[in-house]
All heavy atoms as atom14 arrays in JSON, in Angstrom:
{
  "sequence": "QEAFTRDPHGGDLYVFRGKSGKLIKILWHDGLGMSLYAKRLER",
  "atom14_mask": [
    [1, 1, 1, 1, 1, 1, 1, 1, 1, 0, 0, 0, 0, 0],
    [1, 1, 1, 1, 1, 1, 1, 1, 1, 0, 0, 0, 0, 0],
    [1, 1, 1, 1, 1, 0, 0, 0, 0, 0, 0, 0, 0, 0],
    [1, 1, 1, 1, 1, 1, 1, 1, 1, 1, 1, 0, 0, 0],
    [1, 1, 1, 1, 1, 1, 1, 0, 0, 0, 0, 0, 0, 0],
    [1, 1, 1, 1, 1, 1, 1, 1, 1, 1, 1, 0, 0, 0],
    [1, 1, 1, 1, 1, 1, 1, 1, 0, 0, 0, 0, 0, 0],
    [1, 1, 1, 1, 1, 1, 1, 0, 0, 0, 0, 0, 0, 0],
    [1, 1, 1, 1, 1, 1, 1, 1, 1, 1, 0, 0, 0, 0],
    [1, 1, 1, 1, 0, 0, 0, 0, 0, 0, 0, 0, 0, 0],
    [1, 1, 1, 1, 0, 0, 0, 0, 0, 0, 0, 0, 0, 0],
    [1, 1, 1, 1, 1, 1, 1, 1, 0, 0, 0, 0, 0, 0],
    [1, 1, 1, 1, 1, 1, 1, 1, 0, 0, 0, 0, 0, 0],
    [1, 1, 1, 1, 1, 1, 1, 1, 1, 1, 1, 1, 0, 0],
    [1, 1, 1, 1, 1, 1, 1, 0, 0, 0, 0, 0, 0, 0],
    [1, 1, 1, 1, 1, 1, 1, 1, 1, 1, 1, 0, 0, 0],
    [1, 1, 1, 1, 1, 1, 1, 1, 1, 1, 1, 0, 0, 0],
    [1, 1, 1, 1, 0, 0, 0, 0, 0, 0, 0, 0, 0, 0],
    [1, 1, 1, 1, 1, 1, 1, 1, 1, 0, 0, 0, 0, 0],
    [1, 1, 1, 1, 1, 1, 0, 0, 0, 0, 0, 0, 0, 0],
    [1, 1, 1, 1, 0, 0, 0, 0, 0, 0, 0, 0, 0, 0],
    [1, 1, 1, 1, 1, 1, 1, 1, 1, 0, 0, 0, 0, 0],
    [1, 1, 1, 1, 1, 1, 1, 1, 0, 0, 0, 0, 0, 0],
    [1, 1, 1, 1, 1, 1, 1, 1, 0, 0, 0, 0, 0, 0],
    [1, 1, 1, 1, 1, 1, 1, 1, 1, 0, 0, 0, 0, 0],
    [1, 1, 1, 1, 1, 1, 1, 1, 0, 0, 0, 0, 0, 0],
    [1, 1, 1, 1, 1, 1, 1, 1, 0, 0, 0, 0, 0, 0],
    [1, 1, 1, 1, 1, 1, 1, 1, 1, 1, 1, 1, 1, 1],
    [1, 1, 1, 1, 1, 1, 1, 1, 1, 1, 0, 0, 0, 0],
    [1, 1, 1, 1, 1, 1, 1, 1, 0, 0, 0, 0, 0, 0],
    [1, 1, 1, 1, 0, 0, 0, 0, 0, 0, 0, 0, 0, 0],
    [1, 1, 1, 1, 1, 1, 1, 1, 0, 0, 0, 0, 0, 0],
    [1, 1, 1, 1, 0, 0, 0, 0, 0, 0, 0, 0, 0, 0],
    [1, 1, 1, 1, 1, 1, 1, 1, 0, 0, 0, 0, 0, 0],
    [1, 1, 1, 1, 1, 1, 0, 0, 0, 0, 0, 0, 0, 0],
    [1, 1, 1, 1, 1, 1, 1, 1, 0, 0, 0, 0, 0, 0],
    [1, 1, 1, 1, 1, 1, 1, 1, 1, 1, 1, 1, 0, 0],
    [1, 1, 1, 1, 1, 0, 0, 0, 0, 0, 0, 0, 0, 0],
    [1, 1, 1, 1, 1, 1, 1, 1, 1, 0, 0, 0, 0, 0],
    [1, 1, 1, 1, 1, 1, 1, 1, 1, 1, 1, 0, 0, 0],
    [1, 1, 1, 1, 1, 1, 1, 1, 0, 0, 0, 0, 0, 0],
    [1, 1, 1, 1, 1, 1, 1, 1, 1, 0, 0, 0, 0, 0],
    [1, 1, 1, 1, 1, 1, 1, 1, 1, 1, 1, 0, 0, 0]
  ],
  "atom14_positions": [
    [[27.27, 119.84, 126.06], [27.18, 118.4, 125.78], [28.54, 117.71, 125.84], [28.68, 116.66, 126.47], [26.56, 118.2, 124.4], [26.37, 116.74, 124.01], [25.64, 116.65, 122.69], [24.54, 117.13, 122.57], [26.29, 116.04, 121.72], [0.0, 0.0, 0.0], [0.0, 0.0, 0.0], [0.0, 0.0, 0.0], [0.0, 0.0, 0.0], [0.0, 0.0, 0.0]],
    [[29.55, 118.3, 125.22], [30.85, 117.62, 125.11], [31.78, 117.88, 126.29], [32.41, 116.96, 126.79], [31.52, 118.0, 123.8], [30.77, 117.45, 122.6], [31.44, 117.75, 121.29], [32.44, 118.5, 121.26], [30.96, 117.21, 120.27], [0.0, 0.0, 0.0], [0.0, 0.0, 0.0], [0.0, 0.0, 0.0], [0.0, 0.0, 0.0], [0.0, 0.0, 0.0]],
    [[31.89, 119.11, 126.74], [32.84, 119.43, 127.81], [32.28, 119.1, 129.19], [33.01, 118.67, 130.07], [33.25, 120.9, 127.73], [0.0, 0.0, 0.0], [0.0, 0.0, 0.0], [0.0, 0.0, 0.0], [0.0, 0.0, 0.0], [0.0, 0.0, 0.0], [0.0, 0.0, 0.0], [0.0, 0.0, 0.0], [0.0, 0.0, 0.0], [0.0, 0.0, 0.0]],
    [[30.98, 119.31, 129.37], [30.38, 119.1, 130.69], [29.59, 117.8, 130.78], [29.07, 117.47, 131.83], [29.48, 120.28, 131.06], [30.18, 121.61, 131.03], [29.56, 122.71, 130.47], [31.46, 121.77, 131.54], [30.19, 123.95, 130.44], [32.1, 123.0, 131.51], [31.46, 124.08, 130.96], [0.0, 0.0, 0.0], [0.0, 0.0, 0.0], [0.0, 0.0, 0.0]],
    [[29.48, 117.09, 129.67], [28.7, 115.84, 129.56], [27.32, 115.98, 130.18], [26.87, 115.15, 130.97], [29.46, 114.63, 130.17], [29.7, 114.86, 131.55], [30.76, 114.37, 129.43], [0.0, 0.0, 0.0], [0.0, 0.0, 0.0], [0.0, 0.0, 0.0], [0.0, 0.0, 0.0], [0.0, 0.0, 0.0], [0.0, 0.0, 0.0], [0.0, 0.0, 0.0]],
    [[26.64, 117.05, 129.82], [25.26, 117.33, 130.25], [24.37, 117.42, 129.03], [24.84, 117.63, 127.92], [25.19, 118.65, 131.03], [26.16, 118.81, 132.17], [25.64, 118.13, 133.41], [26.61, 118.19, 134.47], [26.4, 118.75, 135.64], [25.24, 119.3, 135.91], [27.33, 118.74, 136.56], [0.0, 0.0, 0.0], [0.0, 0.0, 0.0], [0.0, 0.0, 0.0]],
    [[23.08, 117.32, 129.25], [22.11, 117.41, 128.17], [21.64, 118.86, 128.02], [20.9, 119.35, 128.88], [20.91, 116.5, 128.45], [19.84, 116.56, 127.37], [20.09, 117.17, 126.31], [18.76, 116.01, 127.61], [0.0, 0.0, 0.0], [0.0, 0.0, 0.0], [0.0, 0.0, 0.0], [0.0, 0.0, 0.0], [0.0, 0.0, 0.0], [0.0, 0.0, 0.0]],
    [[22.05, 119.57, 126.98], [21.64, 120.96, 126.82], [20.16, 121.14, 126.51], [19.64, 122.24, 126.58], [22.5, 121.46, 125.65], [22.82, 120.23, 124.88], [22.9, 119.11, 125.88], [0.0, 0.0, 0.0], [0.0, 0.0, 0.0], [0.0, 0.0, 0.0], [0.0, 0.0, 0.0], [0.0, 0.0, 0.0], [0.0, 0.0, 0.0], [0.0, 0.0, 0.0]],
    [[19.47, 120.04, 126.21], [18.04, 120.1, 125.88], [17.16, 119.66, 127.05], [15.96, 119.49, 126.9], [17.75, 119.23, 124.66], [18.56, 119.6, 123.48], [19.69, 118.9, 123.1], [18.46, 120.64, 122.61], [20.22, 119.48, 122.04], [19.5, 120.53, 121.72], [0.0, 0.0, 0.0], [0.0, 0.0, 0.0], [0.0, 0.0, 0.0], [0.0, 0.0, 0.0]],
    [[17.74, 119.48, 128.23], [17.03, 118.96, 129.38], [16.24, 119.97, 130.19], [15.57, 119.6, 131.14], [0.0, 0.0, 0.0], [0.0, 0.0, 0.0], [0.0, 0.0, 0.0], [0.0, 0.0, 0.0], [0.0, 0.0, 0.0], [0.0, 0.0, 0.0], [0.0, 0.0, 0.0], [0.0, 0.0, 0.0], [0.0, 0.0, 0.0], [0.0, 0.0, 0.0]],
    [[16.31, 121.24, 129.84], [15.54, 122.26, 130.55], [16.32, 123.02, 131.61], [15.8, 123.96, 132.21], [0.0, 0.0, 0.0], [0.0, 0.0, 0.0], [0.0, 0.0, 0.0], [0.0, 0.0, 0.0], [0.0, 0.0, 0.0], [0.0, 0.0, 0.0], [0.0, 0.0, 0.0], [0.0, 0.0, 0.0], [0.0, 0.0, 0.0], [0.0, 0.0, 0.0]],
    [[17.56, 122.63, 131.88], [18.39, 123.37, 132.83], [18.91, 124.65, 132.18], [19.01, 124.75, 130.96], [19.59, 122.53, 133.27], [19.19, 121.33, 134.11], [18.18, 121.42, 134.83], [19.89, 120.31, 134.03], [0.0, 0.0, 0.0], [0.0, 0.0, 0.0], [0.0, 0.0, 0.0], [0.0, 0.0, 0.0], [0.0, 0.0, 0.0], [0.0, 0.0, 0.0]],
    [[19.25, 125.61, 133.02], [19.89, 126.84, 132.55], [21.4, 126.66, 132.63], [21.91, 126.15, 133.63], [19.5, 128.04, 133.42], [18.02, 128.42, 133.45], [17.81, 129.55, 134.43], [17.55, 128.81, 132.07], [0.0, 0.0, 0.0], [0.0, 0.0, 0.0], [0.0, 0.0, 0.0], [0.0, 0.0, 0.0], [0.0, 0.0, 0.0], [0.0, 0.0, 0.0]],
    [[22.11, 127.09, 131.62], [23.56, 127.06, 131.6], [24.04, 128.49, 131.44], [23.68, 129.17, 130.48], [24.08, 126.16, 130.48], [23.7, 124.72, 130.7], [22.55, 124.19, 130.13], [24.46, 123.92, 131.54], [22.18, 122.87, 130.37], [24.1, 122.6, 131.79], [22.96, 122.09, 131.2], [22.59, 120.8, 131.46], [0.0, 0.0, 0.0], [0.0, 0.0, 0.0]],
    [[24.83, 128.95, 132.41], [25.26, 130.34, 132.46], [26.75, 130.4, 132.18], [27.53, 129.68, 132.79], [24.94, 130.97, 133.84], [25.31, 132.44, 133.86], [23.46, 130.78, 134.19], [0.0, 0.0, 0.0], [0.0, 0.0, 0.0], [0.0, 0.0, 0.0], [0.0, 0.0, 0.0], [0.0, 0.0, 0.0], [0.0, 0.0, 0.0], [0.0, 0.0, 0.0]],
    [[27.14, 131.28, 131.28], [28.53, 131.47, 130.88], [28.9, 132.94, 131.09], [28.1, 133.82, 130.81], [28.73, 131.12, 129.4], [28.33, 129.71, 129.06], [27.03, 129.42, 128.69], [29.26, 128.69, 129.13], [26.65, 128.12, 128.38], [28.89, 127.39, 128.83], [27.58, 127.1, 128.45], [0.0, 0.0, 0.0], [0.0, 0.0, 0.0], [0.0, 0.0, 0.0]],
    [[30.12, 133.18, 131.55], [30.59, 134.54, 131.76], [31.71, 134.84, 130.78], [32.58, 133.99, 130.54], [31.1, 134.74, 133.18], [31.5, 136.18, 133.47], [32.01, 136.35, 134.86], [33.37, 135.83, 134.93], [34.25, 136.2, 135.83], [33.92, 137.06, 136.77], [35.47, 135.7, 135.83], [0.0, 0.0, 0.0], [0.0, 0.0, 0.0], [0.0, 0.0, 0.0]],
    [[31.72, 136.03, 130.24], [32.8, 136.47, 129.35], [34.09, 136.67, 130.12], [34.09, 136.79, 131.35], [0.0, 0.0, 0.0], [0.0, 0.0, 0.0], [0.0, 0.0, 0.0], [0.0, 0.0, 0.0], [0.0, 0.0, 0.0], [0.0, 0.0, 0.0], [0.0, 0.0, 0.0], [0.0, 0.0, 0.0], [0.0, 0.0, 0.0], [0.0, 0.0, 0.0]],
    [[35.21, 136.75, 129.42], [36.52, 136.88, 130.06], [36.64, 138.12, 130.93], [37.27, 138.1, 131.97], [37.62, 136.89, 129.0], [37.83, 135.55, 128.36], [38.95, 135.61, 127.35], [39.1, 134.27, 126.66], [40.16, 134.28, 125.66], [0.0, 0.0, 0.0], [0.0, 0.0, 0.0], [0.0, 0.0, 0.0], [0.0, 0.0, 0.0], [0.0, 0.0, 0.0]],
    [[36.04, 139.22, 130.51], [36.16, 140.46, 131.28], [35.24, 140.47, 132.5], [35.41, 141.31, 133.38], [35.82, 141.67, 130.39], [34.42, 141.68, 130.12], [0.0, 0.0, 0.0], [0.0, 0.0, 0.0], [0.0, 0.0, 0.0], [0.0, 0.0, 0.0], [0.0, 0.0, 0.0], [0.0, 0.0, 0.0], [0.0, 0.0, 0.0], [0.0, 0.0, 0.0]],
    [[34.27, 139.57, 132.55], [33.35, 139.51, 133.68], [32.17, 140.46, 133.56], [31.32, 140.52, 134.43], [0.0, 0.0, 0.0], [0.0, 0.0, 0.0], [0.0, 0.0, 0.0], [0.0, 0.0, 0.0], [0.0, 0.0, 0.0], [0.0, 0.0, 0.0], [0.0, 0.0, 0.0], [0.0, 0.0, 0.0], [0.0, 0.0, 0.0], [0.0, 0.0, 0.0]],
    [[32.09, 141.19, 132.45], [31.0, 142.15, 132.27], [29.81, 141.58, 131.49], [28.78, 142.2, 131.41], [31.52, 143.39, 131.55], [32.49, 144.19, 132.37], [32.97, 145.4, 131.6], [33.87, 146.24, 132.43], [33.21, 147.41, 132.95], [0.0, 0.0, 0.0], [0.0, 0.0, 0.0], [0.0, 0.0, 0.0], [0.0, 0.0, 0.0], [0.0, 0.0, 0.0]],
    [[29.97, 140.4, 130.92], [28.94, 139.8, 130.08], [28.64, 138.39, 130.56], [29.57, 137.63, 130.85], [29.41, 139.75, 128.62], [28.51, 139.02, 127.62], [27.23, 139.8, 127.37], [29.25, 138.77, 126.33], [0.0, 0.0, 0.0], [0.0, 0.0, 0.0], [0.0, 0.0, 0.0], [0.0, 0.0, 0.0], [0.0, 0.0, 0.0], [0.0, 0.0, 0.0]],
    [[27.36, 138.06, 130.66], [26.98, 136.67, 130.88], [25.98, 136.28, 129.81], [25.23, 137.11, 129.29], [26.41, 136.38, 132.28], [25.14, 137.18, 132.54], [27.42, 136.6, 133.36], [24.43, 136.73, 133.79], [0.0, 0.0, 0.0], [0.0, 0.0, 0.0], [0.0, 0.0, 0.0], [0.0, 0.0, 0.0], [0.0, 0.0, 0.0], [0.0, 0.0, 0.0]],
    [[25.99, 135.0, 129.49], [25.02, 134.43, 128.55], [24.37, 133.24, 129.22], [25.04, 132.46, 129.91], [25.71, 133.98, 127.26], [26.26, 135.14, 126.46], [26.91, 134.67, 125.19], [27.45, 135.86, 124.42], [28.09, 135.45, 123.17], [0.0, 0.0, 0.0], [0.0, 0.0, 0.0], [0.0, 0.0, 0.0], [0.0, 0.0, 0.0], [0.0, 0.0, 0.0]],
    [[23.06, 133.12, 129.03], [22.31, 132.02, 129.61], [21.67, 131.23, 128.49], [20.95, 131.78, 127.66], [21.22, 132.54, 130.57], [21.85, 133.37, 131.69], [20.41, 131.37, 131.15], [20.85, 134.06, 132.58], [0.0, 0.0, 0.0], [0.0, 0.0, 0.0], [0.0, 0.0, 0.0], [0.0, 0.0, 0.0], [0.0, 0.0, 0.0], [0.0, 0.0, 0.0]],
    [[21.96, 129.94, 128.47], [21.43, 129.03, 127.46], [20.33, 128.2, 128.1], [20.52, 127.65, 129.18], [22.56, 128.12, 126.97], [22.23, 127.16, 125.84], [22.03, 127.93, 124.54], [23.35, 126.14, 125.68], [0.0, 0.0, 0.0], [0.0, 0.0, 0.0], [0.0, 0.0, 0.0], [0.0, 0.0, 0.0], [0.0, 0.0, 0.0], [0.0, 0.0, 0.0]],
    [[19.18, 128.1, 127.42], [18.05, 127.35, 127.97], [17.22, 126.77, 126.83], [16.9, 127.45, 125.87], [17.2, 128.27, 128.82], [15.94, 127.65, 129.33], [15.83, 126.5, 130.06], [14.61, 128.15, 129.19], [14.52, 126.26, 130.37], [13.75, 127.27, 129.84], [14.07, 129.27, 128.57], [12.37, 127.45, 129.9], [12.71, 129.46, 128.63], [11.87, 128.56, 129.29]],
    [[16.88, 125.52, 126.97], [15.98, 124.86, 126.02], [14.65, 124.64, 126.73], [14.59, 123.98, 127.76], [16.56, 123.53, 125.53], [15.85, 123.0, 124.34], [14.66, 122.32, 124.43], [16.14, 123.07, 123.02], [14.25, 121.98, 123.22], [15.13, 122.42, 122.34], [0.0, 0.0, 0.0], [0.0, 0.0, 0.0], [0.0, 0.0, 0.0], [0.0, 0.0, 0.0]],
    [[13.58, 125.2, 126.19], [12.27, 125.14, 126.85], [11.4, 123.99, 126.37], [10.23, 123.91, 126.7], [11.52, 126.45, 126.66], [11.16, 126.75, 125.21], [11.5, 125.93, 124.32], [10.55, 127.79, 124.96], [0.0, 0.0, 0.0], [0.0, 0.0, 0.0], [0.0, 0.0, 0.0], [0.0, 0.0, 0.0], [0.0, 0.0, 0.0], [0.0, 0.0, 0.0]],
    [[11.95, 123.07, 125.61], [11.18, 121.97, 125.07], [10.75, 122.2, 123.63], [10.43, 121.27, 122.92], [0.0, 0.0, 0.0], [0.0, 0.0, 0.0], [0.0, 0.0, 0.0], [0.0, 0.0, 0.0], [0.0, 0.0, 0.0], [0.0, 0.0, 0.0], [0.0, 0.0, 0.0], [0.0, 0.0, 0.0], [0.0, 0.0, 0.0], [0.0, 0.0, 0.0]],
    [[10.76, 123.47, 123.22], [10.4, 123.82, 121.85], [11.59, 124.33, 121.05], [11.66, 124.13, 119.85], [9.3, 124.89, 121.84], [7.99, 124.49, 122.49], [7.05, 125.69, 122.52], [7.36, 123.34, 121.75], [0.0, 0.0, 0.0], [0.0, 0.0, 0.0], [0.0, 0.0, 0.0], [0.0, 0.0, 0.0], [0.0, 0.0, 0.0], [0.0, 0.0, 0.0]],
    [[12.49, 125.01, 121.74], [13.64, 125.58, 121.05], [14.66, 126.11, 122.03], [14.39, 126.25, 123.22], [0.0, 0.0, 0.0], [0.0, 0.0, 0.0], [0.0, 0.0, 0.0], [0.0, 0.0, 0.0], [0.0, 0.0, 0.0], [0.0, 0.0, 0.0], [0.0, 0.0, 0.0], [0.0, 0.0, 0.0], [0.0, 0.0, 0.0], [0.0, 0.0, 0.0]],
    [[15.83, 126.4, 121.52], [16.94, 126.9, 122.33], [16.88, 128.42, 122.4], [16.68, 129.09, 121.38], [18.27, 126.47, 121.69], [19.47, 126.66, 122.55], [19.57, 125.57, 123.97], [19.94, 124.01, 123.19], [0.0, 0.0, 0.0], [0.0, 0.0, 0.0], [0.0, 0.0, 0.0], [0.0, 0.0, 0.0], [0.0, 0.0, 0.0], [0.0, 0.0, 0.0]],
    [[17.06, 128.96, 123.6], [17.1, 130.41, 123.81], [18.45, 130.8, 124.35], [19.06, 130.06, 125.13], [16.03, 130.84, 124.82], [14.74, 130.56, 124.35], [0.0, 0.0, 0.0], [0.0, 0.0, 0.0], [0.0, 0.0, 0.0], [0.0, 0.0, 0.0], [0.0, 0.0, 0.0], [0.0, 0.0, 0.0], [0.0, 0.0, 0.0], [0.0, 0.0, 0.0]],
    [[18.92, 131.95, 123.94], [20.17, 132.5, 124.43], [19.89, 133.92, 124.92], [19.46, 134.78, 124.15], [21.25, 132.52, 123.33], [22.61, 133.06, 123.74], [23.24, 132.19, 124.81], [23.51, 133.16, 122.52], [0.0, 0.0, 0.0], [0.0, 0.0, 0.0], [0.0, 0.0, 0.0], [0.0, 0.0, 0.0], [0.0, 0.0, 0.0], [0.0, 0.0, 0.0]],
    [[20.11, 134.13, 126.21], [19.91, 135.44, 126.81], [21.28, 136.0, 127.15], [22.17, 135.26, 127.55], [19.09, 135.33, 128.1], [17.72, 134.76, 127.87], [17.5, 133.4, 127.99], [16.65, 135.57, 127.52], [16.24, 132.85, 127.77], [15.4, 135.04, 127.29], [15.2, 133.68, 127.42], [13.97, 133.15, 127.2], [0.0, 0.0, 0.0], [0.0, 0.0, 0.0]],
    [[21.43, 137.31, 127.01], [22.7, 137.95, 127.33], [22.45, 139.19, 128.17], [21.44, 139.88, 127.99], [23.44, 138.33, 126.06], [0.0, 0.0, 0.0], [0.0, 0.0, 0.0], [0.0, 0.0, 0.0], [0.0, 0.0, 0.0], [0.0, 0.0, 0.0], [0.0, 0.0, 0.0], [0.0, 0.0, 0.0], [0.0, 0.0, 0.0], [0.0, 0.0, 0.0]],
    [[23.37, 139.45, 129.11], [23.3, 140.67, 129.91], [24.72, 141.21, 130.05], [25.64, 140.47, 130.4], [22.71, 140.4, 131.29], [22.57, 141.66, 132.13], [21.8, 141.42, 133.4], [21.61, 142.72, 134.15], [20.77, 142.53, 135.34], [0.0, 0.0, 0.0], [0.0, 0.0, 0.0], [0.0, 0.0, 0.0], [0.0, 0.0, 0.0], [0.0, 0.0, 0.0]],
    [[24.89, 142.49, 129.76], [26.18, 143.16, 129.87], [26.05, 144.26, 130.91], [25.12, 145.07, 130.86], [26.6, 143.76, 128.53], [27.96, 144.42, 128.57], [28.34, 145.06, 127.24], [28.12, 144.2, 126.11], [28.98, 143.29, 125.64], [30.12, 143.12, 126.26], [28.7, 142.57, 124.58], [0.0, 0.0, 0.0], [0.0, 0.0, 0.0], [0.0, 0.0, 0.0]],
    [[26.97, 144.29, 131.86], [26.98, 145.33, 132.88], [27.69, 146.57, 132.36], [28.72, 146.46, 131.71], [27.68, 144.84, 134.15], [26.99, 143.74, 134.94], [27.85, 143.34, 136.14], [25.62, 144.18, 135.39], [0.0, 0.0, 0.0], [0.0, 0.0, 0.0], [0.0, 0.0, 0.0], [0.0, 0.0, 0.0], [0.0, 0.0, 0.0], [0.0, 0.0, 0.0]],
    [[27.13, 147.72, 132.66], [27.77, 148.99, 132.3], [28.92, 149.28, 133.25], [29.93, 149.85, 132.86], [26.75, 150.13, 132.34], [25.62, 149.96, 131.33], [26.1, 150.0, 129.89], [27.04, 150.77, 129.58], [25.56, 149.24, 129.07], [0.0, 0.0, 0.0], [0.0, 0.0, 0.0], [0.0, 0.0, 0.0], [0.0, 0.0, 0.0], [0.0, 0.0, 0.0]],
    [[28.73, 148.92, 134.54], [29.78, 149.13, 135.55], [29.9, 147.86, 136.37], [28.93, 147.16, 136.61], [29.42, 150.29, 136.47], [29.55, 151.63, 135.79], [29.31, 152.72, 136.77], [27.85, 152.84, 136.92], [27.24, 153.55, 137.85], [27.94, 154.18, 138.74], [25.94, 153.62, 137.89], [0.0, 0.0, 0.0], [0.0, 0.0, 0.0], [0.0, 0.0, 0.0]]
  ]
}
């Protein structure tokens, strides 16, 4: 909302990567609530 001036509740997916590049997080609002998904690569 503040840095990207986007609506986090609009239904778009927002993907963030950790500093090491092994972790990503996906933020999504489905109209009912906010979900946060995470995936970490082993290699």
